[in-house]
């Protein structure tokens, strides 16, 4: 994994997946989507952010929770994400990875938003008040990108011939175009 924060990360992701009933491949794909392939968000996952008198030293946020567009513009993504991690007590790799997976499990998957697509484009009618507006992120390309990461992982593991369930939304009253 590109983050360079030790060999324990895979084990933590697996354990967190087991503990939250969320696929470890989903967790890893989401982390990669949120943090990207560069070091630009290093402060969110390194645990060594020393600014603000070291208040966020030892805190982690692998999912960009709390990093809204408005907060990131005014304060920067590191401050927004690490403040959130501090409030959630994500003061270890395990707490941060499991904590984020728990939030996704309870706040999205349990609410009927159990795919990357549905987390981005909320079309489930389980809660009409949240229809179309309870979205995990603003990045419209994220579902496709995360699906590609998951596919490549399944391919590397040699399990593409396994049985998979696909949930594909079908829209009513759409014209041919």
C-alpha atoms as a PDB file:
ATOM      1  CA  UNK A   1       0.000   0.000   0.000  1.00  0.00           C
ATOM      2  CA  UNK A   2       1.312   3.420  -0.943  1.00  0.00           C
ATOM      3  CA  UNK A   3       0.843   5.183   2.388  1.00  0.00           C
ATOM      4  CA  UNK A   4       4.081   3.872   3.829  1.00  0.00           C
ATOM      5  CA  UNK A   5       2.797   3.657   7.398  1.00  0.00           C
ATOM      6  CA  UNK A   6       3.773   0.103   8.156  1.00  0.00           C
ATOM      7  CA  UNK A   7       2.828  -3.465   7.435  1.00  0.00           C
ATOM      8  CA  UNK A   8       0.049  -3.493  10.025  1.00  0.00           C
ATOM      9  CA  UNK A   9      -2.316  -1.538   7.783  1.00  0.00           C
ATOM     10  CA  UNK A  10      -3.613  -4.606   5.910  1.00  0.00           C
ATOM     11  CA  UNK A  11      -4.242  -6.425   9.159  1.00  0.00           C
ATOM     12  CA  UNK A  12      -6.024  -3.389  10.623  1.00  0.00           C
ATOM     13  CA  UNK A  13      -8.209  -3.068   7.522  1.00  0.00           C
ATOM     14  CA  UNK A  14      -9.091  -6.777   7.683  1.00  0.00           C
ATOM     15  CA  UNK A  15      -9.906  -6.628  11.392  1.00  0.00           C
ATOM     16  CA  UNK A  16     -11.911  -3.426  10.960  1.00  0.00           C
ATOM     17  CA  UNK A  17     -13.861  -5.031   8.130  1.00  0.00           C
ATOM     18  CA  UNK A  18     -14.642  -8.039  10.280  1.00  0.00           C
ATOM     19  CA  UNK A  19     -15.604  -5.866  13.258  1.00  0.00           C
ATOM     20  CA  UNK A  20     -17.934  -3.631  11.213  1.00  0.00           C
ATOM     21  CA  UNK A  21     -19.194  -6.197   8.682  1.00  0.00           C
ATOM     22  CA  UNK A  22     -17.775  -4.092   5.832  1.00  0.00           C
ATOM     23  CA  UNK A  23     -15.660  -5.647   3.086  1.00  0.00           C
ATOM     24  CA  UNK A  24     -11.939  -4.991   3.670  1.00  0.00           C
ATOM     25  CA  UNK A  25     -11.597  -4.440  -0.082  1.00  0.00           C
ATOM     26  CA  UNK A  26     -14.309  -1.783   0.129  1.00  0.00           C
ATOM     27  CA  UNK A  27     -12.474  -0.143   3.044  1.00  0.00           C
ATOM     28  CA  UNK A  28      -9.131  -0.160   1.221  1.00  0.00           C
ATOM     29  CA  UNK A  29     -10.740   1.162  -1.974  1.00  0.00           C
ATOM     30  CA  UNK A  30     -12.438   3.978  -0.064  1.00  0.00           C
ATOM     31  CA  UNK A  31      -9.209   4.926   1.716  1.00  0.00           C
ATOM     32  CA  UNK A  32      -7.335   4.999  -1.590  1.00  0.00           C
ATOM     33  CA  UNK A  33     -10.106   7.086  -3.153  1.00  0.00           C
ATOM     34  CA  UNK A  34     -10.094   9.562  -0.291  1.00  0.00           C
ATOM     35  CA  UNK A  35      -6.332   9.923   0.144  1.00  0.00           C
ATOM     36  CA  UNK A  36      -5.242   9.469  -3.463  1.00  0.00           C
ATOM     37  CA  UNK A  37      -1.883   8.341  -4.786  1.00  0.00           C
ATOM     38  CA  UNK A  38       0.146  11.331  -3.676  1.00  0.00           C
ATOM     39  CA  UNK A  39       1.327  12.674  -0.353  1.00  0.00           C
ATOM     40  CA  UNK A  40      -0.867  15.784  -0.553  1.00  0.00           C
ATOM     41  CA  UNK A  41      -3.047  14.578   2.351  1.00  0.00           C
ATOM     42  CA  UNK A  42      -0.146  13.128   4.334  1.00  0.00           C
ATOM     43  CA  UNK A  43      -1.202  15.039   7.457  1.00  0.00           C
ATOM     44  CA  UNK A  44      -4.508  13.156   7.568  1.00  0.00           C
ATOM     45  CA  UNK A  45      -2.934   9.717   7.789  1.00  0.00           C
ATOM     46  CA  UNK A  46       0.571  10.219   9.178  1.00  0.00           C
ATOM     47  CA  UNK A  47      -0.302  10.948  12.810  1.00  0.00           C
ATOM     48  CA  UNK A  48       2.517  13.498  13.029  1.00  0.00           C
ATOM     49  CA  UNK A  49       0.724  16.781  12.377  1.00  0.00           C
ATOM     50  CA  UNK A  50       2.463  19.214  14.720  1.00  0.00           C
ATOM     51  CA  UNK A  51       0.790  22.491  13.876  1.00  0.00           C
ATOM     52  CA  UNK A  52      -1.680  24.102  16.289  1.00  0.00           C
ATOM     53  CA  UNK A  53       0.579  23.326  19.246  1.00  0.00           C
ATOM     54  CA  UNK A  54       0.533  19.612  18.492  1.00  0.00           C
ATOM     55  CA  UNK A  55      -3.129  19.143  19.430  1.00  0.00           C
ATOM     56  CA  UNK A  56      -3.677  16.776  16.484  1.00  0.00           C
ATOM     57  CA  UNK A  57      -0.444  14.840  16.899  1.00  0.00           C
ATOM     58  CA  UNK A  58      -1.289  11.116  16.874  1.00  0.00           C
ATOM     59  CA  UNK A  59      -4.696  11.500  15.173  1.00  0.00           C
ATOM     60  CA  UNK A  60      -5.731   9.961  11.854  1.00  0.00           C
ATOM     61  CA  UNK A  61      -8.549  10.394   9.342  1.00  0.00           C
ATOM     62  CA  UNK A  62      -8.404   7.979   6.423  1.00  0.00           C
ATOM     63  CA  UNK A  63     -11.849   8.817   5.050  1.00  0.00           C
ATOM     64  CA  UNK A  64     -11.756  12.636   4.860  1.00  0.00           C
ATOM     65  CA  UNK A  65     -14.678  12.884   7.273  1.00  0.00           C
ATOM     66  CA  UNK A  66     -15.168  16.517   8.236  1.00  0.00           C
ATOM     67  CA  UNK A  67     -13.385  17.782   5.132  1.00  0.00           C
ATOM     68  CA  UNK A  68     -16.223  19.654   3.498  1.00  0.00           C
ATOM     69  CA  UNK A  69     -15.563  21.935   0.552  1.00  0.00           C
ATOM     70  CA  UNK A  70     -16.257  25.061   2.601  1.00  0.00           C
ATOM     71  CA  UNK A  71     -14.075  23.986   5.539  1.00  0.00           C
ATOM     72  CA  UNK A  72     -11.211  22.896   3.288  1.00  0.00           C
ATOM     73  CA  UNK A  73     -11.323  26.263   1.503  1.00  0.00           C
ATOM     74  CA  UNK A  74     -11.303  28.291   4.712  1.00  0.00           C
ATOM     75  CA  UNK A  75      -9.062  26.181   6.972  1.00  0.00           C
ATOM     76  CA  UNK A  76      -7.434  23.513   4.812  1.00  0.00           C
ATOM     77  CA  UNK A  77      -8.170  19.789   4.608  1.00  0.00           C
ATOM     78  CA  UNK A  78      -5.695  18.779   7.325  1.00  0.00           C
ATOM     79  CA  UNK A  79      -7.274  21.008   9.989  1.00  0.00           C
ATOM     80  CA  UNK A  80     -10.832  19.985   9.049  1.00  0.00           C
ATOM     81  CA  UNK A  81     -10.095  16.263   8.915  1.00  0.00           C
ATOM     82  CA  UNK A  82      -7.909  16.134  11.995  1.00  0.00           C
ATOM     83  CA  UNK A  83     -10.356  18.190  14.048  1.00  0.00           C
ATOM     84  CA  UNK A  84     -12.963  15.563  13.168  1.00  0.00           C
ATOM     85  CA  UNK A  85     -10.546  12.762  14.090  1.00  0.00           C
ATOM     86  CA  UNK A  86      -9.795  14.485  17.394  1.00  0.00           C
ATOM     87  CA  UNK A  87     -13.507  14.791  18.193  1.00  0.00           C
ATOM     88  CA  UNK A  88     -13.990  11.078  17.396  1.00  0.00           C
ATOM     89  CA  UNK A  89     -10.867  10.053  19.352  1.00  0.00           C
ATOM     90  CA  UNK A  90      -9.272   8.469  16.302  1.00  0.00           C
ATOM     91  CA  UNK A  91      -5.887   8.410  18.023  1.00  0.00           C
ATOM     92  CA  UNK A  92      -4.622   5.142  16.538  1.00  0.00           C
ATOM     93  CA  UNK A  93      -4.631   3.526  13.113  1.00  0.00           C
ATOM     94  CA  UNK A  94      -7.172   0.974  14.297  1.00  0.00           C
ATOM     95  CA  UNK A  95      -9.506   3.555  15.876  1.00  0.00           C
ATOM     96  CA  UNK A  96      -9.421   5.676  12.729  1.00  0.00           C
ATOM     97  CA  UNK A  97      -9.919   2.873  10.218  1.00  0.00           C
ATOM     98  CA  UNK A  98     -12.559   1.054  12.250  1.00  0.00           C
ATOM     99  CA  UNK A  99     -14.245   4.314  13.254  1.00  0.00           C
ATOM    100  CA  UNK A 100     -14.606   5.422   9.649  1.00  0.00           C
ATOM    101  CA  UNK A 101     -15.795   1.979   8.553  1.00  0.00           C
ATOM    102  CA  UNK A 102     -18.365   2.018  11.383  1.00  0.00           C
ATOM    103  CA  UNK A 103     -19.658   5.395  10.239  1.00  0.00           C
ATOM    104  CA  UNK A 104     -20.038   4.145   6.693  1.00  0.00           C
ATOM    105  CA  UNK A 105     -21.711   0.937   7.904  1.00  0.00           C
ATOM    106  CA  UNK A 106     -24.196   2.738  10.164  1.00  0.00           C
ATOM    107  CA  UNK A 107     -24.679   5.988   8.274  1.00  0.00           C
ATOM    108  CA  UNK A 108     -24.831   4.677   4.729  1.00  0.00           C
ATOM    109  CA  UNK A 109     -24.917   0.895   4.319  1.00  0.00           C
ATOM    110  CA  UNK A 110     -27.565   0.371   7.027  1.00  0.00           C
ATOM    111  CA  UNK A 111     -29.594   3.201   5.465  1.00  0.00           C
ATOM    112  CA  UNK A 112     -29.825   1.373   2.132  1.00  0.00           C
ATOM    113  CA  UNK A 113     -26.842   3.097   0.526  1.00  0.00           C
ATOM    114  CA  UNK A 114     -24.817  -0.111   0.272  1.00  0.00           C
ATOM    115  CA  UNK A 115     -22.894   0.522  -2.950  1.00  0.00           C
ATOM    116  CA  UNK A 116     -20.405   3.207  -3.989  1.00  0.00           C
ATOM    117  CA  UNK A 117     -22.961   4.483  -6.486  1.00  0.00           C
ATOM    118  CA  UNK A 118     -25.740   4.775  -3.905  1.00  0.00           C
ATOM    119  CA  UNK A 119     -23.424   6.529  -1.454  1.00  0.00           C
ATOM    120  CA  UNK A 120     -22.650   9.144  -4.091  1.00  0.00           C
ATOM    121  CA  UNK A 121     -26.078   9.339  -5.762  1.00  0.00           C
ATOM    122  CA  UNK A 122     -28.621   8.681  -3.025  1.00  0.00           C
ATOM    123  CA  UNK A 123     -31.674   7.349  -4.844  1.00  0.00           C
ATOM    124  CA  UNK A 124     -32.938   4.952  -2.176  1.00  0.00           C
ATOM    125  CA  UNK A 125     -36.401   5.705  -0.837  1.00  0.00           C
ATOM    126  CA  UNK A 126     -35.825   4.253   2.648  1.00  0.00           C
ATOM    127  CA  UNK A 127     -35.803   7.778   4.029  1.00  0.00           C
ATOM    128  CA  UNK A 128     -37.497  10.247   1.671  1.00  0.00           C
ATOM    129  CA  UNK A 129     -35.983  13.201   3.543  1.00  0.00           C
ATOM    130  CA  UNK A 130     -32.519  11.993   2.570  1.00  0.00           C
ATOM    131  CA  UNK A 131     -33.397  11.206  -1.034  1.00  0.00           C
ATOM    132  CA  UNK A 132     -30.780  12.733  -3.342  1.00  0.00           C
ATOM    133  CA  UNK A 133     -29.054  14.699  -0.590  1.00  0.00           C
ATOM    134  CA  UNK A 134     -27.446  12.205   1.810  1.00  0.00           C
ATOM    135  CA  UNK A 135     -24.218  11.818  -0.131  1.00  0.00           C
ATOM    136  CA  UNK A 136     -20.869  10.556   1.065  1.00  0.00           C
ATOM    137  CA  UNK A 137     -18.837  12.878  -1.150  1.00  0.00           C
ATOM    138  CA  UNK A 138     -19.008  15.422  -3.938  1.00  0.00           C
ATOM    139  CA  UNK A 139     -16.643  13.657  -6.349  1.00  0.00           C
ATOM    140  CA  UNK A 140     -18.872  12.337  -9.154  1.00  0.00           C
ATOM    141  CA  UNK A 141     -16.085  10.081 -10.491  1.00  0.00           C
ATOM    142  CA  UNK A 142     -15.548   8.322  -7.150  1.00  0.00           C
ATOM    143  CA  UNK A 143     -17.911   5.353  -7.679  1.00  0.00           C
ATOM    144  CA  UNK A 144     -16.195   4.461 -10.944  1.00  0.00           C
ATOM    145  CA  UNK A 145     -12.722   4.922  -9.489  1.00  0.00           C
ATOM    146  CA  UNK A 146     -13.473   2.842  -6.386  1.00  0.00           C
ATOM    147  CA  UNK A 147     -15.043   0.110  -8.521  1.00  0.00           C
ATOM    148  CA  UNK A 148     -11.881  -0.035 -10.633  1.00  0.00           C
ATOM    149  CA  UNK A 149      -9.717  -0.322  -7.506  1.00  0.00           C
ATOM    150  CA  UNK A 150     -11.915  -3.112  -6.140  1.00  0.00           C
ATOM    151  CA  UNK A 151     -11.897  -4.918  -9.500  1.00  0.00           C
ATOM    152  CA  UNK A 152      -8.099  -4.774  -9.692  1.00  0.00           C
ATOM    153  CA  UNK A 153      -7.838  -6.097  -6.142  1.00  0.00           C
ATOM    154  CA  UNK A 154     -10.179  -9.000  -6.870  1.00  0.00           C
ATOM    155  CA  UNK A 155      -8.189  -9.688 -10.046  1.00  0.00           C
ATOM    156  CA  UNK A 156      -4.866  -9.689  -8.155  1.00  0.00           C
ATOM    157  CA  UNK A 157      -6.368 -12.080  -5.598  1.00  0.00           C
ATOM    158  CA  UNK A 158      -7.545 -14.378  -8.399  1.00  0.00           C
ATOM    159  CA  UNK A 159     -11.184 -14.361  -7.298  1.00  0.00           C
ATOM    160  CA  UNK A 160     -12.895 -12.807 -10.317  1.00  0.00           C
ATOM    161  CA  UNK A 161     -14.567 -16.140 -11.032  1.00  0.00           C
ATOM    162  CA  UNK A 162     -16.348 -16.008  -7.652  1.00  0.00           C
ATOM    163  CA  UNK A 163     -20.056 -15.262  -7.376  1.00  0.00           C
ATOM    164  CA  UNK A 164     -20.835 -11.577  -6.974  1.00  0.00           C
ATOM    165  CA  UNK A 165     -24.132  -9.764  -6.495  1.00  0.00           C
ATOM    166  CA  UNK A 166     -24.521  -6.581  -8.494  1.00  0.00           C
ATOM    167  CA  UNK A 167     -27.053  -3.957  -7.499  1.00  0.00           C
ATOM    168  CA  UNK A 168     -27.879  -1.807 -10.493  1.00  0.00           C
ATOM    169  CA  UNK A 169     -30.494   0.942 -10.194  1.00  0.00           C
ATOM    170  CA  UNK A 170     -33.157   0.862 -12.884  1.00  0.00           C
ATOM    171  CA  UNK A 171     -34.917   4.149 -13.500  1.00  0.00           C
ATOM    172  CA  UNK A 172     -38.547   4.354 -14.580  1.00  0.00           C
ATOM    173  CA  UNK A 173     -39.966   6.662 -17.257  1.00  0.00           C
ATOM    174  CA  UNK A 174     -36.645   7.385 -18.960  1.00  0.00           C
ATOM    175  CA  UNK A 175     -36.695   8.190 -22.659  1.00  0.00           C
ATOM    176  CA  UNK A 176     -34.331   6.502 -25.114  1.00  0.00           C
ATOM    177  CA  UNK A 177     -31.774   9.309 -24.985  1.00  0.00           C
END
